[in-house]
Amino acid sequence: MKREIILPAEVEAFISAFKSIGQGTLSEEAARSLQQAIKATVMEQKKSTVTIKLHIKHNVEDQIVIEGEVSATVPKPKSTAAFFVDTRTFLPTRNRPNQQVLPIDQ
């Protein structure tokens, strides 16, 4: 398959059109999603995905309408904490259950 050459002017036309979809809200959402995905990937060391879909419809004679949507799949942060276990109640506790407490004279 022969690869078509994309000229810089064609890239600029795409960028200009993309930035104007939804009065700029689509490009803002894409940038925000990209930033969130990068942050989640760095923090969780797992991959993220940002998907941009463009829906193109014929409108009138020489006109089209482009609608877009952005979605992101990011790894969820792990919520962890370490606890001691009270073997009498088998409930978590922040304090060591058998820790001796020294009396403090005041």
PDB file of N, CA and C in Angstrom:
ATOM      1  N   MET A   1       0.841  -1.177   0.000  1.00  0.00           N
ATOM      2  CA  MET A   1       0.000   0.000   0.000  1.00  0.00           C
ATOM      3  C   MET A   1       0.887   1.241   0.000  1.00  0.00           C
ATOM      4  N   LYS A   2       0.596   2.136  -0.887  1.00  0.00           N
ATOM      5  CA  LYS A   2       1.370   3.357  -1.004  1.00  0.00           C
ATOM      6  C   LYS A   2       0.933   4.345   0.078  1.00  0.00           C
ATOM      7  N   ARG A   3       1.897   4.917   0.750  1.00  0.00           N
ATOM      8  CA  ARG A   3       1.619   5.880   1.809  1.00  0.00           C
ATOM      9  C   ARG A   3       1.478   7.272   1.220  1.00  0.00           C
ATOM     10  N   GLU A   4       0.395   7.952   1.601  1.00  0.00           N
ATOM     11  CA  GLU A   4       0.186   9.312   1.119  1.00  0.00           C
ATOM     12  C   GLU A   4       0.998  10.283   1.959  1.00  0.00           C
ATOM     13  N   ILE A   5       1.488  11.298   1.306  1.00  0.00           N
ATOM     14  CA  ILE A   5       2.261  12.319   2.001  1.00  0.00           C
ATOM     15  C   ILE A   5       1.296  13.364   2.543  1.00  0.00           C
ATOM     16  N   ILE A   6       1.409  13.636   3.831  1.00  0.00           N
ATOM     17  CA  ILE A   6       0.591  14.667   4.467  1.00  0.00           C
ATOM     18  C   ILE A   6       1.434  15.932   4.549  1.00  0.00           C
ATOM     19  N   LEU A   7       0.931  16.989   3.974  1.00  0.00           N
ATOM     20  CA  LEU A   7       1.674  18.253   3.941  1.00  0.00           C
ATOM     21  C   LEU A   7       1.436  19.048   5.223  1.00  0.00           C
ATOM     22  N   PRO A   8       2.394  19.883   5.607  1.00  0.00           N
ATOM     23  CA  PRO A   8       2.223  20.702   6.813  1.00  0.00           C
ATOM     24  C   PRO A   8       0.934  21.534   6.799  1.00  0.00           C
ATOM     25  N   ALA A   9       0.537  22.033   5.662  1.00  0.00           N
ATOM     26  CA  ALA A   9      -0.690  22.834   5.576  1.00  0.00           C
ATOM     27  C   ALA A   9      -1.920  21.988   5.900  1.00  0.00           C
ATOM     28  N   GLU A  10      -1.879  20.710   5.541  1.00  0.00           N
ATOM     29  CA  GLU A  10      -2.998  19.813   5.852  1.00  0.00           C
ATOM     30  C   GLU A  10      -3.064  19.533   7.352  1.00  0.00           C
ATOM     31  N   VAL A  11      -1.908  19.394   7.980  1.00  0.00           N
ATOM     32  CA  VAL A  11      -1.856  19.203   9.431  1.00  0.00           C
ATOM     33  C   VAL A  11      -2.396  20.450  10.121  1.00  0.00           C
ATOM     34  N   GLU A  12      -1.998  21.620   9.656  1.00  0.00           N
ATOM     35  CA  GLU A  12      -2.481  22.876  10.234  1.00  0.00           C
ATOM     36  C   GLU A  12      -3.991  23.018  10.063  1.00  0.00           C
ATOM     37  N   ALA A  13      -4.535  22.590   8.928  1.00  0.00           N
ATOM     38  CA  ALA A  13      -5.986  22.655   8.708  1.00  0.00           C
ATOM     39  C   ALA A  13      -6.707  21.739   9.694  1.00  0.00           C
ATOM     40  N   PHE A  14      -6.147  20.553   9.928  1.00  0.00           N
ATOM     41  CA  PHE A  14      -6.740  19.625  10.898  1.00  0.00           C
ATOM     42  C   PHE A  14      -6.715  20.228  12.302  1.00  0.00           C
ATOM     43  N   ILE A  15      -5.555  20.759  12.709  1.00  0.00           N
ATOM     44  CA  ILE A  15      -5.415  21.338  14.042  1.00  0.00           C
ATOM     45  C   ILE A  15      -6.380  22.507  14.220  1.00  0.00           C
ATOM     46  N   SER A  16      -6.487  23.338  13.234  1.00  0.00           N
ATOM     47  CA  SER A  16      -7.388  24.487  13.302  1.00  0.00           C
ATOM     48  C   SER A  16      -8.842  24.033  13.445  1.00  0.00           C
ATOM     49  N   ALA A  17      -9.235  23.044  12.664  1.00  0.00           N
ATOM     50  CA  ALA A  17     -10.607  22.529  12.753  1.00  0.00           C
ATOM     51  C   ALA A  17     -10.829  21.862  14.106  1.00  0.00           C
ATOM     52  N   PHE A  18      -9.862  21.070  14.558  1.00  0.00           N
ATOM     53  CA  PHE A  18      -9.992  20.362  15.836  1.00  0.00           C
ATOM     54  C   PHE A  18     -10.153  21.342  16.989  1.00  0.00           C
ATOM     55  N   LYS A  19      -9.360  22.423  16.962  1.00  0.00           N
ATOM     56  CA  LYS A  19      -9.425  23.408  18.041  1.00  0.00           C
ATOM     57  C   LYS A  19     -10.751  24.161  18.069  1.00  0.00           C
ATOM     58  N   SER A  20     -11.485  24.169  16.964  1.00  0.00           N
ATOM     59  CA  SER A  20     -12.738  24.925  16.936  1.00  0.00           C
ATOM     60  C   SER A  20     -13.979  24.059  17.193  1.00  0.00           C
ATOM     61  N   ILE A  21     -13.814  22.738  17.273  1.00  0.00           N
ATOM     62  CA  ILE A  21     -14.974  21.857  17.518  1.00  0.00           C
ATOM     63  C   ILE A  21     -15.507  22.129  18.923  1.00  0.00           C
ATOM     64  N   GLY A  22     -16.797  22.405  18.985  1.00  0.00           N
ATOM     65  CA  GLY A  22     -17.422  22.706  20.274  1.00  0.00           C
ATOM     66  C   GLY A  22     -16.896  23.986  20.884  1.00  0.00           C
ATOM     67  N   GLN A  23     -16.535  24.942  20.051  1.00  0.00           N
ATOM     68  CA  GLN A  23     -15.971  26.223  20.484  1.00  0.00           C
ATOM     69  C   GLN A  23     -14.726  26.023  21.352  1.00  0.00           C
ATOM     70  N   GLY A  24     -13.956  24.996  21.033  1.00  0.00           N
ATOM     71  CA  GLY A  24     -12.699  24.743  21.727  1.00  0.00           C
ATOM     72  C   GLY A  24     -12.802  23.783  22.898  1.00  0.00           C
ATOM     73  N   THR A  25     -14.025  23.377  23.243  1.00  0.00           N
ATOM     74  CA  THR A  25     -14.176  22.501  24.412  1.00  0.00           C
ATOM     75  C   THR A  25     -13.610  21.105  24.168  1.00  0.00           C
ATOM     76  N   LEU A  26     -13.667  20.611  22.925  1.00  0.00           N
ATOM     77  CA  LEU A  26     -13.147  19.274  22.642  1.00  0.00           C
ATOM     78  C   LEU A  26     -11.625  19.238  22.826  1.00  0.00           C
ATOM     79  N   SER A  27     -10.926  20.240  22.326  1.00  0.00           N
ATOM     80  CA  SER A  27      -9.468  20.249  22.466  1.00  0.00           C
ATOM     81  C   SER A  27      -9.068  20.454  23.928  1.00  0.00           C
ATOM     82  N   GLU A  28      -9.832  21.255  24.665  1.00  0.00           N
ATOM     83  CA  GLU A  28      -9.546  21.432  26.092  1.00  0.00           C
ATOM     84  C   GLU A  28      -9.750  20.118  26.848  1.00  0.00           C
ATOM     85  N   GLU A  29     -10.828  19.420  26.528  1.00  0.00           N
ATOM     86  CA  GLU A  29     -11.100  18.133  27.173  1.00  0.00           C
ATOM     87  C   GLU A  29     -10.026  17.104  26.815  1.00  0.00           C
ATOM     88  N   ALA A  30      -9.576  17.118  25.570  1.00  0.00           N
ATOM     89  CA  ALA A  30      -8.525  16.194  25.143  1.00  0.00           C
ATOM     90  C   ALA A  30      -7.225  16.486  25.887  1.00  0.00           C
ATOM     91  N   ALA A  31      -6.880  17.750  26.024  1.00  0.00           N
ATOM     92  CA  ALA A  31      -5.653  18.120  26.736  1.00  0.00           C
ATOM     93  C   ALA A  31      -5.747  17.736  28.214  1.00  0.00           C
ATOM     94  N   ARG A  32      -6.898  17.981  28.822  1.00  0.00           N
ATOM     95  CA  ARG A  32      -7.098  17.632  30.232  1.00  0.00           C
ATOM     96  C   ARG A  32      -7.023  16.118  30.429  1.00  0.00           C
ATOM     97  N   SER A  33      -7.653  15.366  29.534  1.00  0.00           N
ATOM     98  CA  SER A  33      -7.624  13.901  29.618  1.00  0.00           C
ATOM     99  C   SER A  33      -6.215  13.367  29.428  1.00  0.00           C
ATOM    100  N   LEU A  34      -5.467  13.964  28.516  1.00  0.00           N
ATOM    101  CA  LEU A  34      -4.091  13.547  28.291  1.00  0.00           C
ATOM    102  C   LEU A  34      -3.248  13.789  29.537  1.00  0.00           C
ATOM    103  N   GLN A  35      -3.426  14.943  30.157  1.00  0.00           N
ATOM    104  CA  GLN A  35      -2.677  15.252  31.375  1.00  0.00           C
ATOM    105  C   GLN A  35      -3.022  14.278  32.502  1.00  0.00           C
ATOM    106  N   GLN A  36      -4.314  13.978  32.674  1.00  0.00           N
ATOM    107  CA  GLN A  36      -4.736  13.032  33.709  1.00  0.00           C
ATOM    108  C   GLN A  36      -4.179  11.635  33.432  1.00  0.00           C
ATOM    109  N   ALA A  37      -4.188  11.229  32.177  1.00  0.00           N
ATOM    110  CA  ALA A  37      -3.679   9.907  31.811  1.00  0.00           C
ATOM    111  C   ALA A  37      -2.176   9.806  32.068  1.00  0.00           C
ATOM    112  N   ILE A  38      -1.442  10.847  31.731  1.00  0.00           N
ATOM    113  CA  ILE A  38       0.004  10.831  31.965  1.00  0.00           C
ATOM    114  C   ILE A  38       0.288  10.779  33.463  1.00  0.00           C
ATOM    115  N   LYS A  39      -0.425  11.581  34.241  1.00  0.00           N
ATOM    116  CA  LYS A  39      -0.227  11.586  35.688  1.00  0.00           C
ATOM    117  C   LYS A  39      -0.518  10.208  36.283  1.00  0.00           C
ATOM    118  N   ALA A  40      -1.651   9.611  35.891  1.00  0.00           N
ATOM    119  CA  ALA A  40      -2.028   8.295  36.418  1.00  0.00           C
ATOM    120  C   ALA A  40      -1.008   7.234  36.020  1.00  0.00           C
ATOM    121  N   THR A  41      -0.497   7.301  34.802  1.00  0.00           N
ATOM    122  CA  THR A  41       0.495   6.339  34.340  1.00  0.00           C
ATOM    123  C   THR A  41       1.787   6.465  35.141  1.00  0.00           C
ATOM    124  N   VAL A  42       2.220   7.688  35.389  1.00  0.00           N
ATOM    125  CA  VAL A  42       3.445   7.901  36.159  1.00  0.00           C
ATOM    126  C   VAL A  42       3.252   7.447  37.607  1.00  0.00           C
ATOM    127  N   MET A  43       2.114   7.797  38.201  1.00  0.00           N
ATOM    128  CA  MET A  43       1.877   7.480  39.613  1.00  0.00           C
ATOM    129  C   MET A  43       1.662   5.982  39.849  1.00  0.00           C
ATOM    130  N   GLU A  44       0.926   5.321  38.964  1.00  0.00           N
ATOM    131  CA  GLU A  44       0.550   3.924  39.167  1.00  0.00           C
ATOM    132  C   GLU A  44       1.410   2.936  38.394  1.00  0.00           C
ATOM    133  N   GLN A  45       2.273   3.439  37.506  1.00  0.00           N
ATOM    134  CA  GLN A  45       3.136   2.584  36.691  1.00  0.00           C
ATOM    135  C   GLN A  45       2.345   1.595  35.842  1.00  0.00           C
ATOM    136  N   LYS A  46       1.174   2.022  35.365  1.00  0.00           N
ATOM    137  CA  LYS A  46       0.343   1.208  34.480  1.00  0.00           C
ATOM    138  C   LYS A  46      -0.105   2.076  33.317  1.00  0.00           C
ATOM    139  N   LYS A  47      -0.493   1.421  32.217  1.00  0.00           N
ATOM    140  CA  LYS A  47      -0.829   2.185  31.015  1.00  0.00           C
ATOM    141  C   LYS A  47      -2.189   2.863  31.113  1.00  0.00           C
ATOM    142  N   SER A  48      -2.315   3.945  30.376  1.00  0.00           N
ATOM    143  CA  SER A  48      -3.555   4.699  30.238  1.00  0.00           C
ATOM    144  C   SER A  48      -3.876   4.823  28.758  1.00  0.00           C
ATOM    145  N   THR A  49      -5.118   5.158  28.474  1.00  0.00           N
ATOM    146  CA  THR A  49      -5.532   5.336  27.088  1.00  0.00           C
ATOM    147  C   THR A  49      -6.399   6.583  26.973  1.00  0.00           C
ATOM    148  N   VAL A  50      -6.132   7.402  25.970  1.00  0.00           N
ATOM    149  CA  VAL A  50      -6.988   8.534  25.651  1.00  0.00           C
ATOM    150  C   VAL A  50      -7.490   8.311  24.229  1.00  0.00           C
ATOM    151  N   THR A  51      -8.805   8.349  24.071  1.00  0.00           N
ATOM    152  CA  THR A  51      -9.408   8.120  22.760  1.00  0.00           C
ATOM    153  C   THR A  51     -10.161   9.371  22.332  1.00  0.00           C
ATOM    154  N   ILE A  52      -9.890   9.806  21.112  1.00  0.00           N
ATOM    155  CA  ILE A  52     -10.605  10.942  20.533  1.00  0.00           C
ATOM    156  C   ILE A  52     -11.371  10.416  19.333  1.00  0.00           C
ATOM    157  N   LYS A  53     -12.694  10.572  19.372  1.00  0.00           N
ATOM    158  CA  LYS A  53     -13.532  10.137  18.248  1.00  0.00           C
ATOM    159  C   LYS A  53     -14.104  11.365  17.557  1.00  0.00           C
ATOM    160  N   LEU A  54     -14.007  11.374  16.247  1.00  0.00           N
ATOM    161  CA  LEU A  54     -14.593  12.438  15.442  1.00  0.00           C
ATOM    162  C   LEU A  54     -15.673  11.835  14.565  1.00  0.00           C
ATOM    163  N   HIS A  55     -16.882  12.348  14.693  1.00  0.00           N
ATOM    164  CA  HIS A  55     -18.010  11.890  13.898  1.00  0.00           C
ATOM    165  C   HIS A  55     -18.274  12.950  12.822  1.00  0.00           C
ATOM    166  N   ILE A  56     -18.241  12.527  11.574  1.00  0.00           N
ATOM    167  CA  ILE A  56     -18.367  13.465  10.453  1.00  0.00           C
ATOM    168  C   ILE A  56     -19.658  13.164   9.707  1.00  0.00           C
ATOM    169  N   LYS A  57     -20.485  14.200   9.562  1.00  0.00           N
ATOM    170  CA  LYS A  57     -21.766  14.049   8.865  1.00  0.00           C
ATOM    171  C   LYS A  57     -21.842  15.074   7.734  1.00  0.00           C
ATOM    172  N   HIS A  58     -22.501  14.656   6.671  1.00  0.00           N
ATOM    173  CA  HIS A  58     -22.757  15.582   5.577  1.00  0.00           C
ATOM    174  C   HIS A  58     -23.898  16.488   5.995  1.00  0.00           C
ATOM    175  N   ASN A  59     -23.764  17.777   5.767  1.00  0.00           N
ATOM    176  CA  ASN A  59     -24.779  18.726   6.192  1.00  0.00           C
ATOM    177  C   ASN A  59     -25.574  19.226   4.993  1.00  0.00           C
ATOM    178  N   VAL A  60     -25.008  20.109   4.241  1.00  0.00           N
ATOM    179  CA  VAL A  60     -25.618  20.602   3.006  1.00  0.00           C
ATOM    180  C   VAL A  60     -24.574  20.522   1.911  1.00  0.00           C
ATOM    181  N   GLU A  61     -24.919  20.986   0.755  1.00  0.00           N
ATOM    182  CA  GLU A  61     -24.119  20.817  -0.454  1.00  0.00           C
ATOM    183  C   GLU A  61     -22.608  20.682  -0.235  1.00  0.00           C
ATOM    184  N   ASP A  62     -21.915  21.707   0.179  1.00  0.00           N
ATOM    185  CA  ASP A  62     -20.466  21.658   0.342  1.00  0.00           C
ATOM    186  C   ASP A  62     -20.053  21.789   1.802  1.00  0.00           C
ATOM    187  N   GLN A  63     -20.861  21.260   2.683  1.00  0.00           N
ATOM    188  CA  GLN A  63     -20.585  21.459   4.102  1.00  0.00           C
ATOM    189  C   GLN A  63     -20.707  20.151   4.878  1.00  0.00           C
ATOM    190  N   ILE A  64     -19.856  20.010   5.867  1.00  0.00           N
ATOM    191  CA  ILE A  64     -19.925  18.865   6.772  1.00  0.00           C
ATOM    192  C   ILE A  64     -20.025  19.386   8.204  1.00  0.00           C
ATOM    193  N   VAL A  65     -20.444  18.515   9.099  1.00  0.00           N
ATOM    194  CA  VAL A  65     -20.466  18.816  10.524  1.00  0.00           C
ATOM    195  C   VAL A  65     -19.584  17.779  11.198  1.00  0.00           C
ATOM    196  N   ILE A  66     -18.675  18.247  12.045  1.00  0.00           N
ATOM    197  CA  ILE A  66     -17.807  17.340  12.789  1.00  0.00           C
ATOM    198  C   ILE A  66     -18.152  17.452  14.263  1.00  0.00           C
ATOM    199  N   GLU A  67     -18.489  16.333  14.857  1.00  0.00           N
ATOM    200  CA  GLU A  67     -18.740  16.259  16.294  1.00  0.00           C
ATOM    201  C   GLU A  67     -17.650  15.388  16.891  1.00  0.00           C
ATOM    202  N   GLY A  68     -17.298  15.667  18.111  1.00  0.00           N
ATOM    203  CA  GLY A  68     -16.229  14.890  18.718  1.00  0.00           C
ATOM    204  C   GLY A  68     -16.528  14.519  20.145  1.00  0.00           C
ATOM    205  N   GLU A  69     -15.798  13.496  20.608  1.00  0.00           N
ATOM    206  CA  GLU A  69     -15.877  13.082  22.005  1.00  0.00           C
ATOM    207  C   GLU A  69     -14.510  12.565  22.429  1.00  0.00           C
ATOM    208  N   VAL A  70     -14.234  12.739  23.707  1.00  0.00           N
ATOM    209  CA  VAL A  70     -12.962  12.302  24.279  1.00  0.00           C
ATOM    210  C   VAL A  70     -13.268  11.374  25.431  1.00  0.00           C
ATOM    211  N   SER A  71     -12.545  10.280  25.500  1.00  0.00           N
ATOM    212  CA  SER A  71     -12.675   9.385  26.651  1.00  0.00           C
ATOM    213  C   SER A  71     -11.272   8.970  27.087  1.00  0.00           C
ATOM    214  N   ALA A  72     -11.156   8.705  28.374  1.00  0.00           N
ATOM    215  CA  ALA A  72      -9.860   8.297  28.921  1.00  0.00           C
ATOM    216  C   ALA A  72     -10.057   7.111  29.843  1.00  0.00           C
ATOM    217  N   THR A  73      -9.147   6.179  29.757  1.00  0.00           N
ATOM    218  CA  THR A  73      -9.109   5.042  30.668  1.00  0.00           C
ATOM    219  C   THR A  73      -7.785   5.133  31.418  1.00  0.00           C
ATOM    220  N   VAL A  74      -7.893   5.352  32.713  1.00  0.00           N
ATOM    221  CA  VAL A  74      -6.690   5.512  33.530  1.00  0.00           C
ATOM    222  C   VAL A  74      -6.713   4.502  34.672  1.00  0.00           C
ATOM    223  N   PRO A  75      -5.537   4.065  35.121  1.00  0.00           N
ATOM    224  CA  PRO A  75      -5.506   3.139  36.257  1.00  0.00           C
ATOM    225  C   PRO A  75      -5.978   3.837  37.527  1.00  0.00           C
ATOM    226  N   LYS A  76      -6.724   3.112  38.317  1.00  0.00           N
ATOM    227  CA  LYS A  76      -7.218   3.680  39.567  1.00  0.00           C
ATOM    228  C   LYS A  76      -6.123   3.616  40.621  1.00  0.00           C
ATOM    229  N   PRO A  77      -6.022   4.684  41.423  1.00  0.00           N
ATOM    230  CA  PRO A  77      -4.999   4.669  42.473  1.00  0.00           C
ATOM    231  C   PRO A  77      -5.321   3.635  43.540  1.00  0.00           C
ATOM    232  N   LYS A  78      -4.278   3.050  44.056  1.00  0.00           N
ATOM    233  CA  LYS A  78      -4.450   2.060  45.118  1.00  0.00           C
ATOM    234  C   LYS A  78      -4.576   2.788  46.445  1.00  0.00           C
ATOM    235  N   SER A  79      -5.563   2.398  47.236  1.00  0.00           N
ATOM    236  CA  SER A  79      -5.724   2.950  48.582  1.00  0.00           C
ATOM    237  C   SER A  79      -5.251   1.887  49.558  1.00  0.00           C
ATOM    238  N   THR A  80      -4.131   2.150  50.202  1.00  0.00           N
ATOM    239  CA  THR A  80      -3.575   1.158  51.119  1.00  0.00           C
ATOM    240  C   THR A  80      -3.175   1.818  52.429  1.00  0.00           C
ATOM    241  N   ALA A  81      -3.130   1.021  53.465  1.00  0.00           N
ATOM    242  CA  ALA A  81      -2.644   1.451  54.770  1.00  0.00           C
ATOM    243  C   ALA A  81      -2.242   0.202  55.539  1.00  0.00           C
ATOM    244  N   ALA A  82      -1.265   0.340  56.444  1.00  0.00           N
ATOM    245  CA  ALA A  82      -0.817  -0.780  57.262  1.00  0.00           C
ATOM    246  C   ALA A  82      -1.407  -0.648  58.666  1.00  0.00           C
ATOM    247  N   PHE A  83      -1.859  -1.770  59.212  1.00  0.00           N
ATOM    248  CA  PHE A  83      -2.464  -1.791  60.536  1.00  0.00           C
ATOM    249  C   PHE A  83      -1.926  -2.968  61.339  1.00  0.00           C
ATOM    250  N   PHE A  84      -2.025  -2.874  62.654  1.00  0.00           N
ATOM    251  CA  PHE A  84      -1.821  -4.016  63.532  1.00  0.00           C
ATOM    252  C   PHE A  84      -3.166  -4.704  63.680  1.00  0.00           C
ATOM    253  N   VAL A  85      -3.140  -5.965  64.084  1.00  0.00           N
ATOM    254  CA  VAL A  85      -4.386  -6.707  64.302  1.00  0.00           C
ATOM    255  C   VAL A  85      -4.489  -7.053  65.787  1.00  0.00           C
ATOM    256  N   ASP A  86      -5.593  -6.675  66.368  1.00  0.00           N
ATOM    257  CA  ASP A  86      -5.876  -7.054  67.755  1.00  0.00           C
ATOM    258  C   ASP A  86      -6.413  -8.486  67.703  1.00  0.00           C
ATOM    259  N   THR A  87      -5.626  -9.438  68.201  1.00  0.00           N
ATOM    260  CA  THR A  87      -6.006 -10.855  68.078  1.00  0.00           C
ATOM    261  C   THR A  87      -7.177 -11.236  68.984  1.00  0.00           C
ATOM    262  N   ARG A  88      -7.566 -10.361  69.871  1.00  0.00           N
ATOM    263  CA  ARG A  88      -8.751 -10.645  70.697  1.00  0.00           C
ATOM    264  C   ARG A  88     -10.028 -10.334  69.923  1.00  0.00           C
ATOM    265  N   THR A  89      -9.998  -9.252  69.151  1.00  0.00           N
ATOM    266  CA  THR A  89     -11.200  -8.837  68.420  1.00  0.00           C
ATOM    267  C   THR A  89     -11.063  -9.046  66.910  1.00  0.00           C
ATOM    268  N   PHE A  90      -9.832  -9.263  66.447  1.00  0.00           N
ATOM    269  CA  PHE A  90      -9.516  -9.388  65.021  1.00  0.00           C
ATOM    270  C   PHE A  90      -9.972  -8.168  64.225  1.00  0.00           C
ATOM    271  N   LEU A  91      -9.763  -7.002  64.825  1.00  0.00           N
ATOM    272  CA  LEU A  91     -10.043  -5.732  64.168  1.00  0.00           C
ATOM    273  C   LEU A  91      -8.727  -4.990  63.954  1.00  0.00           C
ATOM    274  N   PRO A  92      -8.662  -4.154  62.912  1.00  0.00           N
ATOM    275  CA  PRO A  92      -7.434  -3.399  62.674  1.00  0.00           C
ATOM    276  C   PRO A  92      -7.285  -2.270  63.699  1.00  0.00           C
ATOM    277  N   THR A  93      -6.040  -1.982  64.039  1.00  0.00           N
ATOM    278  CA  THR A  93      -5.756  -0.884  64.956  1.00  0.00           C
ATOM    279  C   THR A  93      -4.436  -0.235  64.570  1.00  0.00           C
ATOM    280  N   ARG A  94      -4.302   1.055  64.851  1.00  0.00           N
ATOM    281  CA  ARG A  94      -3.064   1.776  64.549  1.00  0.00           C
ATOM    282  C   ARG A  94      -2.000   1.515  65.617  1.00  0.00           C
ATOM    283  N   ASN A  95      -2.426   1.110  66.796  1.00  0.00           N
ATOM    284  CA  ASN A  95      -1.499   0.874  67.897  1.00  0.00           C
ATOM    285  C   ASN A  95      -1.233  -0.618  68.063  1.00  0.00           C
ATOM    286  N   ARG A  96      -0.001  -0.949  68.398  1.00  0.00           N
ATOM    287  CA  ARG A  96       0.358  -2.340  68.634  1.00  0.00           C
ATOM    288  C   ARG A  96      -0.435  -2.822  69.848  1.00  0.00           C
ATOM    289  N   PRO A  97      -1.238  -3.865  69.697  1.00  0.00           N
ATOM    290  CA  PRO A  97      -2.111  -4.314  70.784  1.00  0.00           C
ATOM    291  C   PRO A  97      -1.383  -4.683  72.074  1.00  0.00           C
ATOM    292  N   ASN A  98      -0.212  -5.276  72.014  1.00  0.00           N
ATOM    293  CA  ASN A  98       0.504  -5.723  73.211  1.00  0.00           C
ATOM    294  C   ASN A  98       1.599  -4.748  73.640  1.00  0.00           C
ATOM    295  N   GLN A  99       1.544  -3.547  73.124  1.00  0.00           N
ATOM    296  CA  GLN A  99       2.562  -2.556  73.454  1.00  0.00           C
ATOM    297  C   GLN A  99       2.417  -2.125  74.910  1.00  0.00           C
ATOM    298  N   GLN A 100       3.506  -2.187  75.645  1.00  0.00           N
ATOM    299  CA  GLN A 100       3.468  -1.734  77.025  1.00  0.00           C
ATOM    300  C   GLN A 100       3.529  -0.222  77.061  1.00  0.00           C
ATOM    301  N   VAL A 101       2.760   0.352  77.950  1.00  0.00           N
ATOM    302  CA  VAL A 101       2.732   1.803  78.086  1.00  0.00           C
ATOM    303  C   VAL A 101       3.441   2.165  79.370  1.00  0.00           C
ATOM    304  N   LEU A 102       4.428   3.012  79.279  1.00  0.00           N
ATOM    305  CA  LEU A 102       5.168   3.446  80.465  1.00  0.00           C
ATOM    306  C   LEU A 102       4.420   4.585  81.123  1.00  0.00           C
ATOM    307  N   PRO A 103       4.298   4.508  82.415  1.00  0.00           N
ATOM    308  CA  PRO A 103       3.635   5.621  83.118  1.00  0.00           C
ATOM    309  C   PRO A 103       4.503   6.866  83.061  1.00  0.00           C
ATOM    310  N   ILE A 104       3.887   7.985  82.864  1.00  0.00           N
ATOM    311  CA  ILE A 104       4.612   9.253  82.782  1.00  0.00           C
ATOM    312  C   ILE A 104       4.224  10.056  84.015  1.00  0.00           C
ATOM    313  N   ASP A 105       5.215  10.393  84.820  1.00  0.00           N
ATOM    314  CA  ASP A 105       4.965  11.227  85.995  1.00  0.00           C
ATOM    315  C   ASP A 105       4.933  12.682  85.579  1.00  0.00           C
ATOM    316  N   GLN A 106       3.946  13.345  86.035  1.00  0.00           N
ATOM    317  CA  GLN A 106       3.846  14.772  85.670  1.00  0.00           C
ATOM    318  C   GLN A 106       4.061  15.639  86.864  1.00  0.00           C
TER     319      GLN A 106
END
